[in-house]
Amino acid sequence: MTTTGCHLDDLLPIALDMTASLTAADRSRRLVDAVLRALPCDAVALLRLEEQQLVPVAARGFGADLPGRRFAL
């Protein structure tokens, strides 16, 4: 089994953010930031399913045009 270096201690700030009194946008941005810290990657996007499309909610490491894009399923 391989590991990415992510430990349970890394998940505590995510859990606390999910229950904090934050706006949905702030919560989404913090989740994306936490994934970037926990996993070796260059970009992360949190997508929401709306009808038959995936819509970006929060992202880091992508171009400026991502927020306006829709991804058909």
PDB file of N, CA and C in Angstrom:
ATOM      1  N   MET A   1       0.842  -1.179   0.000  1.00  0.00           N
ATOM      2  CA  MET A   1       0.000   0.000   0.000  1.00  0.00           C
ATOM      3  C   MET A   1       0.887   1.242   0.000  1.00  0.00           C
ATOM      4  N   THR A   2       0.535   2.221  -0.807  1.00  0.00           N
ATOM      5  CA  THR A   2       1.288   3.467  -0.836  1.00  0.00           C
ATOM      6  C   THR A   2       0.536   4.521  -0.042  1.00  0.00           C
ATOM      7  N   THR A   3       1.277   5.494   0.456  1.00  0.00           N
ATOM      8  CA  THR A   3       0.650   6.582   1.199  1.00  0.00           C
ATOM      9  C   THR A   3       1.041   7.900   0.566  1.00  0.00           C
ATOM     10  N   THR A   4       0.215   8.894   0.798  1.00  0.00           N
ATOM     11  CA  THR A   4       0.504  10.224   0.267  1.00  0.00           C
ATOM     12  C   THR A   4       1.068  11.140   1.332  1.00  0.00           C
ATOM     13  N   GLY A   5       1.259  10.614   2.538  1.00  0.00           N
ATOM     14  CA  GLY A   5       1.759  11.451   3.611  1.00  0.00           C
ATOM     15  C   GLY A   5       0.647  12.142   4.369  1.00  0.00           C
ATOM     16  N   CYS A   6      -0.597  11.850   4.075  1.00  0.00           N
ATOM     17  CA  CYS A   6      -1.742  12.449   4.749  1.00  0.00           C
ATOM     18  C   CYS A   6      -2.052  11.638   6.002  1.00  0.00           C
ATOM     19  N   HIS A   7      -2.150  12.312   7.131  1.00  0.00           N
ATOM     20  CA  HIS A   7      -2.447  11.661   8.397  1.00  0.00           C
ATOM     21  C   HIS A   7      -3.771  12.176   8.929  1.00  0.00           C
ATOM     22  N   LEU A   8      -4.295  11.501   9.921  1.00  0.00           N
ATOM     23  CA  LEU A   8      -5.542  11.946  10.530  1.00  0.00           C
ATOM     24  C   LEU A   8      -5.420  13.360  11.082  1.00  0.00           C
ATOM     25  N   ASP A   9      -4.238  13.730  11.556  1.00  0.00           N
ATOM     26  CA  ASP A   9      -4.036  15.091  12.055  1.00  0.00           C
ATOM     27  C   ASP A   9      -4.258  16.129  10.962  1.00  0.00           C
ATOM     28  N   ASP A  10      -4.020  15.749   9.717  1.00  0.00           N
ATOM     29  CA  ASP A  10      -4.236  16.661   8.597  1.00  0.00           C
ATOM     30  C   ASP A  10      -5.723  16.895   8.345  1.00  0.00           C
ATOM     31  N   LEU A  11      -6.559  15.961   8.769  1.00  0.00           N
ATOM     32  CA  LEU A  11      -7.995  16.057   8.509  1.00  0.00           C
ATOM     33  C   LEU A  11      -8.736  16.895   9.540  1.00  0.00           C
ATOM     34  N   LEU A  12      -8.176  17.076  10.715  1.00  0.00           N
ATOM     35  CA  LEU A  12      -8.849  17.831  11.766  1.00  0.00           C
ATOM     36  C   LEU A  12      -9.189  19.259  11.342  1.00  0.00           C
ATOM     37  N   PRO A  13      -8.267  20.020  10.752  1.00  0.00           N
ATOM     38  CA  PRO A  13      -8.637  21.378  10.325  1.00  0.00           C
ATOM     39  C   PRO A  13      -9.779  21.376   9.297  1.00  0.00           C
ATOM     40  N   ILE A  14      -9.827  20.369   8.447  1.00  0.00           N
ATOM     41  CA  ILE A  14     -10.917  20.280   7.459  1.00  0.00           C
ATOM     42  C   ILE A  14     -12.239  20.078   8.180  1.00  0.00           C
ATOM     43  N   ALA A  15     -12.264  19.151   9.134  1.00  0.00           N
ATOM     44  CA  ALA A  15     -13.489  18.887   9.884  1.00  0.00           C
ATOM     45  C   ALA A  15     -13.937  20.122  10.652  1.00  0.00           C
ATOM     46  N   LEU A  16     -13.012  20.831  11.255  1.00  0.00           N
ATOM     47  CA  LEU A  16     -13.361  22.039  11.990  1.00  0.00           C
ATOM     48  C   LEU A  16     -13.914  23.118  11.061  1.00  0.00           C
ATOM     49  N   ASP A  17     -13.322  23.263   9.876  1.00  0.00           N
ATOM     50  CA  ASP A  17     -13.822  24.235   8.903  1.00  0.00           C
ATOM     51  C   ASP A  17     -15.231  23.886   8.430  1.00  0.00           C
ATOM     52  N   MET A  18     -15.517  22.596   8.278  1.00  0.00           N
ATOM     53  CA  MET A  18     -16.826  22.177   7.787  1.00  0.00           C
ATOM     54  C   MET A  18     -17.935  22.481   8.798  1.00  0.00           C
ATOM     55  N   THR A  19     -17.582  22.589  10.064  1.00  0.00           N
ATOM     56  CA  THR A  19     -18.589  22.862  11.094  1.00  0.00           C
ATOM     57  C   THR A  19     -18.552  24.303  11.594  1.00  0.00           C
ATOM     58  N   ALA A  20     -17.618  25.099  11.113  1.00  0.00           N
ATOM     59  CA  ALA A  20     -17.485  26.490  11.563  1.00  0.00           C
ATOM     60  C   ALA A  20     -18.566  27.361  10.926  1.00  0.00           C
ATOM     61  N   SER A  21     -18.765  28.508  11.515  1.00  0.00           N
ATOM     62  CA  SER A  21     -19.743  29.473  10.990  1.00  0.00           C
ATOM     63  C   SER A  21     -19.111  30.256   9.848  1.00  0.00           C
ATOM     64  N   LEU A  22     -19.021  29.614   8.703  1.00  0.00           N
ATOM     65  CA  LEU A  22     -18.440  30.220   7.504  1.00  0.00           C
ATOM     66  C   LEU A  22     -19.486  30.234   6.402  1.00  0.00           C
ATOM     67  N   THR A  23     -19.285  31.122   5.437  1.00  0.00           N
ATOM     68  CA  THR A  23     -20.148  31.076   4.260  1.00  0.00           C
ATOM     69  C   THR A  23     -19.792  29.835   3.444  1.00  0.00           C
ATOM     70  N   ALA A  24     -20.685  29.420   2.592  1.00  0.00           N
ATOM     71  CA  ALA A  24     -20.426  28.251   1.744  1.00  0.00           C
ATOM     72  C   ALA A  24     -19.200  28.490   0.864  1.00  0.00           C
ATOM     73  N   ALA A  25     -19.037  29.707   0.370  1.00  0.00           N
ATOM     74  CA  ALA A  25     -17.885  30.022  -0.489  1.00  0.00           C
ATOM     75  C   ALA A  25     -16.581  29.908   0.298  1.00  0.00           C
ATOM     76  N   ASP A  26     -16.555  30.442   1.530  1.00  0.00           N
ATOM     77  CA  ASP A  26     -15.351  30.334   2.357  1.00  0.00           C
ATOM     78  C   ASP A  26     -15.045  28.885   2.701  1.00  0.00           C
ATOM     79  N   ARG A  27     -16.070  28.128   3.022  1.00  0.00           N
ATOM     80  CA  ARG A  27     -15.893  26.709   3.354  1.00  0.00           C
ATOM     81  C   ARG A  27     -15.313  25.955   2.156  1.00  0.00           C
ATOM     82  N   SER A  28     -15.806  26.238   0.979  1.00  0.00           N
ATOM     83  CA  SER A  28     -15.328  25.579  -0.238  1.00  0.00           C
ATOM     84  C   SER A  28     -13.873  25.936  -0.518  1.00  0.00           C
ATOM     85  N   ARG A  29     -13.536  27.225  -0.387  1.00  0.00           N
ATOM     86  CA  ARG A  29     -12.148  27.658  -0.613  1.00  0.00           C
ATOM     87  C   ARG A  29     -11.198  26.999   0.384  1.00  0.00           C
ATOM     88  N   ARG A  30     -11.597  26.912   1.631  1.00  0.00           N
ATOM     89  CA  ARG A  30     -10.744  26.283   2.643  1.00  0.00           C
ATOM     90  C   ARG A  30     -10.567  24.788   2.370  1.00  0.00           C
ATOM     91  N   LEU A  31     -11.609  24.138   1.889  1.00  0.00           N
ATOM     92  CA  LEU A  31     -11.507  22.721   1.553  1.00  0.00           C
ATOM     93  C   LEU A  31     -10.513  22.512   0.415  1.00  0.00           C
ATOM     94  N   VAL A  32     -10.589  23.338  -0.611  1.00  0.00           N
ATOM     95  CA  VAL A  32      -9.655  23.255  -1.738  1.00  0.00           C
ATOM     96  C   VAL A  32      -8.222  23.516  -1.259  1.00  0.00           C
ATOM     97  N   ASP A  33      -8.038  24.506  -0.403  1.00  0.00           N
ATOM     98  CA  ASP A  33      -6.703  24.795   0.133  1.00  0.00           C
ATOM     99  C   ASP A  33      -6.169  23.614   0.949  1.00  0.00           C
ATOM    100  N   ALA A  34      -7.044  22.966   1.720  1.00  0.00           N
ATOM    101  CA  ALA A  34      -6.623  21.820   2.539  1.00  0.00           C
ATOM    102  C   ALA A  34      -6.205  20.649   1.660  1.00  0.00           C
ATOM    103  N   VAL A  35      -6.906  20.429   0.565  1.00  0.00           N
ATOM    104  CA  VAL A  35      -6.531  19.347  -0.353  1.00  0.00           C
ATOM    105  C   VAL A  35      -5.165  19.635  -0.960  1.00  0.00           C
ATOM    106  N   LEU A  36      -4.916  20.880  -1.341  1.00  0.00           N
ATOM    107  CA  LEU A  36      -3.601  21.247  -1.896  1.00  0.00           C
ATOM    108  C   LEU A  36      -2.479  21.003  -0.893  1.00  0.00           C
ATOM    109  N   ARG A  37      -2.739  21.276   0.380  1.00  0.00           N
ATOM    110  CA  ARG A  37      -1.714  21.038   1.400  1.00  0.00           C
ATOM    111  C   ARG A  37      -1.498  19.545   1.645  1.00  0.00           C
ATOM    112  N   ALA A  38      -2.556  18.754   1.543  1.00  0.00           N
ATOM    113  CA  ALA A  38      -2.485  17.337   1.920  1.00  0.00           C
ATOM    114  C   ALA A  38      -1.999  16.426   0.797  1.00  0.00           C
ATOM    115  N   LEU A  39      -2.259  16.793  -0.436  1.00  0.00           N
ATOM    116  CA  LEU A  39      -1.923  15.921  -1.563  1.00  0.00           C
ATOM    117  C   LEU A  39      -0.913  16.589  -2.489  1.00  0.00           C
ATOM    118  N   PRO A  40      -0.002  15.804  -3.062  1.00  0.00           N
ATOM    119  CA  PRO A  40       0.956  16.379  -4.007  1.00  0.00           C
ATOM    120  C   PRO A  40       0.284  16.615  -5.364  1.00  0.00           C
ATOM    121  N   CYS A  41      -0.193  17.838  -5.575  1.00  0.00           N
ATOM    122  CA  CYS A  41      -0.860  18.155  -6.838  1.00  0.00           C
ATOM    123  C   CYS A  41      -0.631  19.626  -7.176  1.00  0.00           C
ATOM    124  N   ASP A  42      -0.870  19.960  -8.429  1.00  0.00           N
ATOM    125  CA  ASP A  42      -0.686  21.328  -8.892  1.00  0.00           C
ATOM    126  C   ASP A  42      -1.986  22.117  -8.919  1.00  0.00           C
ATOM    127  N   ALA A  43      -3.113  21.411  -8.996  1.00  0.00           N
ATOM    128  CA  ALA A  43      -4.399  22.089  -9.103  1.00  0.00           C
ATOM    129  C   ALA A  43      -5.490  21.233  -8.461  1.00  0.00           C
ATOM    130  N   VAL A  44      -6.487  21.926  -7.926  1.00  0.00           N
ATOM    131  CA  VAL A  44      -7.630  21.268  -7.287  1.00  0.00           C
ATOM    132  C   VAL A  44      -8.879  22.051  -7.650  1.00  0.00           C
ATOM    133  N   ALA A  45      -9.963  21.337  -7.925  1.00  0.00           N
ATOM    134  CA  ALA A  45     -11.255  21.985  -8.165  1.00  0.00           C
ATOM    135  C   ALA A  45     -12.337  21.223  -7.417  1.00  0.00           C
ATOM    136  N   LEU A  46     -13.213  21.958  -6.779  1.00  0.00           N
ATOM    137  CA  LEU A  46     -14.400  21.402  -6.144  1.00  0.00           C
ATOM    138  C   LEU A  46     -15.555  21.691  -7.086  1.00  0.00           C
ATOM    139  N   LEU A  47     -16.230  20.641  -7.535  1.00  0.00           N
ATOM    140  CA  LEU A  47     -17.294  20.777  -8.522  1.00  0.00           C
ATOM    141  C   LEU A  47     -18.634  20.391  -7.915  1.00  0.00           C
ATOM    142  N   ARG A  48     -19.682  21.099  -8.332  1.00  0.00           N
ATOM    143  CA  ARG A  48     -21.046  20.815  -7.880  1.00  0.00           C
ATOM    144  C   ARG A  48     -21.848  20.304  -9.074  1.00  0.00           C
ATOM    145  N   LEU A  49     -22.646  19.272  -8.848  1.00  0.00           N
ATOM    146  CA  LEU A  49     -23.496  18.719  -9.901  1.00  0.00           C
ATOM    147  C   LEU A  49     -24.778  19.538  -9.979  1.00  0.00           C
ATOM    148  N   GLU A  50     -25.020  20.125 -11.135  1.00  0.00           N
ATOM    149  CA  GLU A  50     -26.249  20.861 -11.415  1.00  0.00           C
ATOM    150  C   GLU A  50     -26.858  20.264 -12.673  1.00  0.00           C
ATOM    151  N   GLU A  51     -27.970  19.583 -12.489  1.00  0.00           N
ATOM    152  CA  GLU A  51     -28.627  18.855 -13.570  1.00  0.00           C
ATOM    153  C   GLU A  51     -27.620  17.891 -14.192  1.00  0.00           C
ATOM    154  N   GLN A  52     -27.228  18.059 -15.420  1.00  0.00           N
ATOM    155  CA  GLN A  52     -26.282  17.145 -16.067  1.00  0.00           C
ATOM    156  C   GLN A  52     -24.940  17.810 -16.326  1.00  0.00           C
ATOM    157  N   GLN A  53     -24.579  18.764 -15.469  1.00  0.00           N
ATOM    158  CA  GLN A  53     -23.309  19.471 -15.632  1.00  0.00           C
ATOM    159  C   GLN A  53     -22.582  19.580 -14.301  1.00  0.00           C
ATOM    160  N   LEU A  54     -21.248  19.592 -14.369  1.00  0.00           N
ATOM    161  CA  LEU A  54     -20.418  19.873 -13.209  1.00  0.00           C
ATOM    162  C   LEU A  54     -20.010  21.343 -13.284  1.00  0.00           C
ATOM    163  N   VAL A  55     -20.224  22.054 -12.179  1.00  0.00           N
ATOM    164  CA  VAL A  55     -19.972  23.487 -12.118  1.00  0.00           C
ATOM    165  C   VAL A  55     -18.892  23.749 -11.064  1.00  0.00           C
ATOM    166  N   PRO A  56     -17.830  24.472 -11.413  1.00  0.00           N
ATOM    167  CA  PRO A  56     -16.789  24.778 -10.421  1.00  0.00           C
ATOM    168  C   PRO A  56     -17.333  25.644  -9.278  1.00  0.00           C
ATOM    169  N   VAL A  57     -17.025  25.230  -8.062  1.00  0.00           N
ATOM    170  CA  VAL A  57     -17.420  25.978  -6.866  1.00  0.00           C
ATOM    171  C   VAL A  57     -16.222  26.721  -6.301  1.00  0.00           C
ATOM    172  N   ALA A  58     -15.086  26.041  -6.257  1.00  0.00           N
ATOM    173  CA  ALA A  58     -13.836  26.642  -5.779  1.00  0.00           C
ATOM    174  C   ALA A  58     -12.696  25.911  -6.469  1.00  0.00           C
ATOM    175  N   ALA A  59     -11.618  26.637  -6.739  1.00  0.00           N
ATOM    176  CA  ALA A  59     -10.489  26.020  -7.436  1.00  0.00           C
ATOM    177  C   ALA A  59      -9.211  26.801  -7.162  1.00  0.00           C
ATOM    178  N   ARG A  60      -8.094  26.103  -7.277  1.00  0.00           N
ATOM    179  CA  ARG A  60      -6.755  26.699  -7.189  1.00  0.00           C
ATOM    180  C   ARG A  60      -5.884  26.018  -8.241  1.00  0.00           C
ATOM    181  N   GLY A  61      -5.071  26.810  -8.925  1.00  0.00           N
ATOM    182  CA  GLY A  61      -4.121  26.256  -9.870  1.00  0.00           C
ATOM    183  C   GLY A  61      -4.621  26.138 -11.303  1.00  0.00           C
ATOM    184  N   PHE A  62      -5.812  26.672 -11.585  1.00  0.00           N
ATOM    185  CA  PHE A  62      -6.361  26.631 -12.938  1.00  0.00           C
ATOM    186  C   PHE A  62      -6.361  28.033 -13.531  1.00  0.00           C
ATOM    187  N   GLY A  63      -6.663  28.128 -14.809  1.00  0.00           N
ATOM    188  CA  GLY A  63      -6.739  29.420 -15.473  1.00  0.00           C
ATOM    189  C   GLY A  63      -7.940  30.227 -15.013  1.00  0.00           C
ATOM    190  N   ALA A  64      -7.935  31.505 -15.358  1.00  0.00           N
ATOM    191  CA  ALA A  64      -8.986  32.423 -14.933  1.00  0.00           C
ATOM    192  C   ALA A  64     -10.345  32.108 -15.541  1.00  0.00           C
ATOM    193  N   ASP A  65     -10.381  31.316 -16.622  1.00  0.00           N
ATOM    194  CA  ASP A  65     -11.660  31.021 -17.276  1.00  0.00           C
ATOM    195  C   ASP A  65     -12.436  29.886 -16.605  1.00  0.00           C
ATOM    196  N   LEU A  66     -11.857  29.187 -15.649  1.00  0.00           N
ATOM    197  CA  LEU A  66     -12.530  28.045 -15.036  1.00  0.00           C
ATOM    198  C   LEU A  66     -13.853  28.392 -14.366  1.00  0.00           C
ATOM    199  N   PRO A  67     -13.979  29.484 -13.587  1.00  0.00           N
ATOM    200  CA  PRO A  67     -15.245  29.745 -12.910  1.00  0.00           C
ATOM    201  C   PRO A  67     -16.462  29.822 -13.835  1.00  0.00           C
ATOM    202  N   GLY A  68     -16.299  30.246 -15.056  1.00  0.00           N
ATOM    203  CA  GLY A  68     -17.415  30.359 -15.985  1.00  0.00           C
ATOM    204  C   GLY A  68     -17.707  29.097 -16.783  1.00  0.00           C
ATOM    205  N   ARG A  69     -16.916  28.070 -16.616  1.00  0.00           N
ATOM    206  CA  ARG A  69     -17.078  26.854 -17.428  1.00  0.00           C
ATOM    207  C   ARG A  69     -18.074  25.900 -16.824  1.00  0.00           C
ATOM    208  N   ARG A  70     -18.640  25.055 -17.669  1.00  0.00           N
ATOM    209  CA  ARG A  70     -19.541  23.973 -17.271  1.00  0.00           C
ATOM    210  C   ARG A  70     -19.024  22.715 -17.949  1.00  0.00           C
ATOM    211  N   PHE A  71     -19.104  21.594 -17.261  1.00  0.00           N
ATOM    212  CA  PHE A  71     -18.618  20.326 -17.791  1.00  0.00           C
ATOM    213  C   PHE A  71     -19.790  19.365 -17.924  1.00  0.00           C
ATOM    214  N   ALA A  72     -20.144  19.060 -19.148  1.00  0.00           N
ATOM    215  CA  ALA A  72     -21.291  18.181 -19.406  1.00  0.00           C
ATOM    216  C   ALA A  72     -20.936  16.752 -19.048  1.00  0.00           C
ATOM    217  N   LEU A  73     -21.929  16.041 -18.543  1.00  0.00           N
ATOM    218  CA  LEU A  73     -21.753  14.627 -18.226  1.00  0.00           C
ATOM    219  C   LEU A  73     -22.311  13.782 -19.342  1.00  0.00           C
TER     220      LEU A  73
END
